[in-house]
């Protein structure tokens, strides 16, 4: 389903992308990729506080992933 969110995001259907990522996170709160993609979406929309929260969650879930550390 993350791919569906990405498709929405690339098509600039940001509300649908956000809803998709949030649904994934609701069903699987530990799925770091969904948090990461949601963070990227928020960052692109200049919602930096929300983006940082999601980036920090990604780091907490997978501390060894350097991409999230770099992005924040």
N, C-alpha and C. Protein backbone atom coordinates (compact mmCIF):
# COMPACT_ATOMS: atom_id res chain seq x y z
N UNK A 1 0.81 -1.21 0.00
CA UNK A 1 0.00 0.00 0.00
C UNK A 1 0.85 1.27 0.00
N UNK A 2 2.10 1.15 0.45
CA UNK A 2 2.97 2.32 0.42
C UNK A 2 3.12 2.81 -1.02
N UNK A 3 3.20 1.88 -1.94
CA UNK A 3 3.31 2.28 -3.36
C UNK A 3 2.10 3.09 -3.81
N UNK A 4 0.93 2.72 -3.33
CA UNK A 4 -0.27 3.48 -3.67
C UNK A 4 -0.15 4.91 -3.15
N UNK A 5 0.32 5.06 -1.93
CA UNK A 5 0.55 6.40 -1.39
C UNK A 5 1.55 7.17 -2.22
N UNK A 6 2.60 6.50 -2.66
CA UNK A 6 3.61 7.16 -3.49
C UNK A 6 3.02 7.60 -4.83
N UNK A 7 2.18 6.76 -5.40
CA UNK A 7 1.52 7.11 -6.67
C UNK A 7 0.67 8.36 -6.48
N UNK A 8 -0.12 8.37 -5.41
CA UNK A 8 -0.92 9.56 -5.12
C UNK A 8 -0.03 10.79 -4.96
N UNK A 9 1.06 10.60 -4.26
CA UNK A 9 1.98 11.71 -4.02
C UNK A 9 2.56 12.24 -5.32
N UNK A 10 3.00 11.36 -6.19
CA UNK A 10 3.57 11.78 -7.47
C UNK A 10 2.53 12.43 -8.38
N UNK A 11 1.27 12.04 -8.20
CA UNK A 11 0.18 12.65 -8.98
C UNK A 11 -0.35 13.92 -8.31
N UNK A 12 0.31 14.34 -7.25
CA UNK A 12 -0.05 15.54 -6.49
C UNK A 12 -1.43 15.44 -5.85
N UNK A 13 -1.84 14.23 -5.55
CA UNK A 13 -3.07 13.99 -4.81
C UNK A 13 -2.67 13.80 -3.33
N UNK A 14 -2.27 14.90 -2.73
CA UNK A 14 -1.64 14.86 -1.42
C UNK A 14 -2.56 14.38 -0.31
N UNK A 15 -3.82 14.75 -0.36
CA UNK A 15 -4.76 14.29 0.67
C UNK A 15 -4.93 12.78 0.62
N UNK A 16 -5.01 12.22 -0.58
CA UNK A 16 -5.14 10.77 -0.74
C UNK A 16 -3.87 10.07 -0.28
N UNK A 17 -2.72 10.65 -0.60
CA UNK A 17 -1.45 10.06 -0.17
C UNK A 17 -1.36 10.05 1.36
N UNK A 18 -1.70 11.18 1.97
CA UNK A 18 -1.66 11.26 3.43
C UNK A 18 -2.60 10.24 4.06
N UNK A 19 -3.81 10.15 3.54
CA UNK A 19 -4.79 9.20 4.08
C UNK A 19 -4.28 7.76 3.95
N UNK A 20 -3.63 7.46 2.84
CA UNK A 20 -3.10 6.12 2.62
C UNK A 20 -2.01 5.80 3.63
N UNK A 21 -1.05 6.72 3.79
CA UNK A 21 0.03 6.49 4.75
C UNK A 21 -0.50 6.36 6.17
N UNK A 22 -1.45 7.20 6.53
CA UNK A 22 -2.03 7.15 7.88
C UNK A 22 -2.76 5.83 8.11
N UNK A 23 -3.46 5.35 7.10
CA UNK A 23 -4.14 4.06 7.22
C UNK A 23 -3.13 2.93 7.44
N UNK A 24 -2.04 2.97 6.70
CA UNK A 24 -0.99 1.95 6.87
C UNK A 24 -0.44 2.00 8.28
N UNK A 25 -0.16 3.21 8.77
CA UNK A 25 0.41 3.37 10.11
C UNK A 25 -0.59 2.91 11.17
N UNK A 26 -1.86 3.17 10.96
CA UNK A 26 -2.89 2.73 11.91
C UNK A 26 -2.90 1.20 12.01
N UNK A 27 -2.76 0.55 10.85
CA UNK A 27 -2.78 -0.92 10.82
C UNK A 27 -1.45 -1.52 11.28
N UNK A 28 -0.35 -0.84 10.98
CA UNK A 28 0.99 -1.34 11.32
C UNK A 28 1.84 -0.19 11.84
N UNK A 29 1.67 0.19 13.10
CA UNK A 29 2.37 1.36 13.63
C UNK A 29 3.90 1.26 13.58
N UNK A 30 4.42 0.06 13.52
CA UNK A 30 5.87 -0.12 13.48
C UNK A 30 6.47 -0.14 12.10
N UNK A 31 5.66 0.12 11.09
CA UNK A 31 6.15 0.07 9.71
C UNK A 31 6.84 1.40 9.39
N UNK A 32 8.15 1.41 9.49
CA UNK A 32 8.90 2.66 9.39
C UNK A 32 8.81 3.31 8.02
N UNK A 33 8.69 2.52 6.96
CA UNK A 33 8.63 3.10 5.62
C UNK A 33 7.41 4.01 5.46
N UNK A 34 6.30 3.63 6.05
CA UNK A 34 5.10 4.47 5.98
C UNK A 34 5.32 5.79 6.71
N UNK A 35 5.98 5.72 7.86
CA UNK A 35 6.31 6.95 8.59
C UNK A 35 7.26 7.82 7.77
N UNK A 36 8.23 7.19 7.14
CA UNK A 36 9.21 7.92 6.33
C UNK A 36 8.54 8.62 5.15
N UNK A 37 7.68 7.91 4.44
CA UNK A 37 6.99 8.50 3.28
C UNK A 37 6.06 9.63 3.73
N UNK A 38 5.40 9.45 4.86
CA UNK A 38 4.53 10.50 5.38
C UNK A 38 5.37 11.73 5.75
N UNK A 39 6.54 11.50 6.32
CA UNK A 39 7.44 12.61 6.64
C UNK A 39 7.85 13.36 5.39
N UNK A 40 8.17 12.63 4.33
CA UNK A 40 8.54 13.28 3.07
C UNK A 40 7.37 14.10 2.52
N UNK A 41 6.18 13.54 2.61
CA UNK A 41 5.00 14.25 2.14
C UNK A 41 4.82 15.56 2.91
N UNK A 42 4.90 15.49 4.24
CA UNK A 42 4.76 16.68 5.06
C UNK A 42 5.85 17.71 4.75
N UNK A 43 7.04 17.23 4.55
CA UNK A 43 8.15 18.14 4.24
C UNK A 43 7.88 18.87 2.93
N UNK A 44 7.42 18.14 1.94
CA UNK A 44 7.10 18.75 0.65
C UNK A 44 5.98 19.77 0.73
N UNK A 45 5.12 19.62 1.74
CA UNK A 45 4.01 20.55 1.94
C UNK A 45 4.36 21.64 2.96
N UNK A 46 5.62 21.67 3.35
CA UNK A 46 6.14 22.66 4.30
C UNK A 46 5.48 22.56 5.67
N UNK A 47 5.05 21.36 6.01
CA UNK A 47 4.51 21.08 7.35
C UNK A 47 5.66 20.47 8.16
N UNK A 48 6.63 21.30 8.48
CA UNK A 48 7.90 20.82 9.01
C UNK A 48 7.79 20.18 10.39
N UNK A 49 6.92 20.66 11.23
CA UNK A 49 6.76 20.06 12.56
C UNK A 49 6.27 18.62 12.43
N UNK A 50 5.25 18.42 11.61
CA UNK A 50 4.75 17.06 11.39
C UNK A 50 5.81 16.19 10.74
N UNK A 51 6.55 16.76 9.80
CA UNK A 51 7.60 16.01 9.11
C UNK A 51 8.65 15.53 10.11
N UNK A 52 9.10 16.43 10.99
CA UNK A 52 10.11 16.05 11.98
C UNK A 52 9.60 14.95 12.91
N UNK A 53 8.34 15.04 13.31
CA UNK A 53 7.77 14.01 14.17
C UNK A 53 7.84 12.65 13.49
N UNK A 54 7.49 12.61 12.21
CA UNK A 54 7.52 11.34 11.48
C UNK A 54 8.95 10.86 11.23
N UNK A 55 9.86 11.79 10.93
CA UNK A 55 11.26 11.40 10.76
C UNK A 55 11.82 10.82 12.06
N UNK A 56 11.50 11.46 13.19
CA UNK A 56 11.98 10.95 14.48
C UNK A 56 11.40 9.57 14.79
N UNK A 57 10.14 9.36 14.43
CA UNK A 57 9.54 8.03 14.62
C UNK A 57 10.26 7.00 13.76
N UNK A 58 10.60 7.37 12.55
CA UNK A 58 11.33 6.47 11.66
C UNK A 58 12.67 6.09 12.27
N UNK A 59 13.38 7.09 12.80
CA UNK A 59 14.68 6.84 13.43
C UNK A 59 14.52 5.94 14.65
N UNK A 60 13.48 6.19 15.43
CA UNK A 60 13.23 5.38 16.63
C UNK A 60 12.95 3.93 16.25
N UNK A 61 12.20 3.74 15.17
CA UNK A 61 11.86 2.38 14.74
C UNK A 61 13.04 1.66 14.11
N UNK A 62 13.87 2.39 13.39
CA UNK A 62 15.03 1.79 12.72
C UNK A 62 16.24 2.71 12.87
N UNK A 63 16.87 2.68 14.04
CA UNK A 63 17.96 3.61 14.30
C UNK A 63 19.15 3.46 13.36
N UNK A 64 19.31 2.32 12.73
CA UNK A 64 20.44 2.10 11.84
C UNK A 64 20.27 2.69 10.45
N UNK A 65 19.09 3.17 10.14
CA UNK A 65 18.83 3.74 8.81
C UNK A 65 19.32 5.18 8.77
N UNK A 66 20.32 5.44 7.98
CA UNK A 66 20.91 6.78 7.94
C UNK A 66 20.10 7.75 7.09
N UNK A 67 19.26 7.27 6.21
CA UNK A 67 18.49 8.17 5.35
C UNK A 67 17.62 9.09 6.19
N UNK A 68 16.96 8.55 7.18
CA UNK A 68 16.08 9.36 8.03
C UNK A 68 16.86 10.39 8.83
N UNK A 69 18.03 10.00 9.29
CA UNK A 69 18.86 10.94 10.04
C UNK A 69 19.28 12.08 9.13
N UNK A 70 19.66 11.75 7.91
CA UNK A 70 20.09 12.76 6.94
C UNK A 70 18.95 13.69 6.58
N UNK A 71 17.75 13.15 6.37
CA UNK A 71 16.61 13.93 5.92
C UNK A 71 16.16 14.95 6.96
N UNK A 72 16.28 14.61 8.23
CA UNK A 72 15.76 15.52 9.25
C UNK A 72 16.60 16.76 9.29
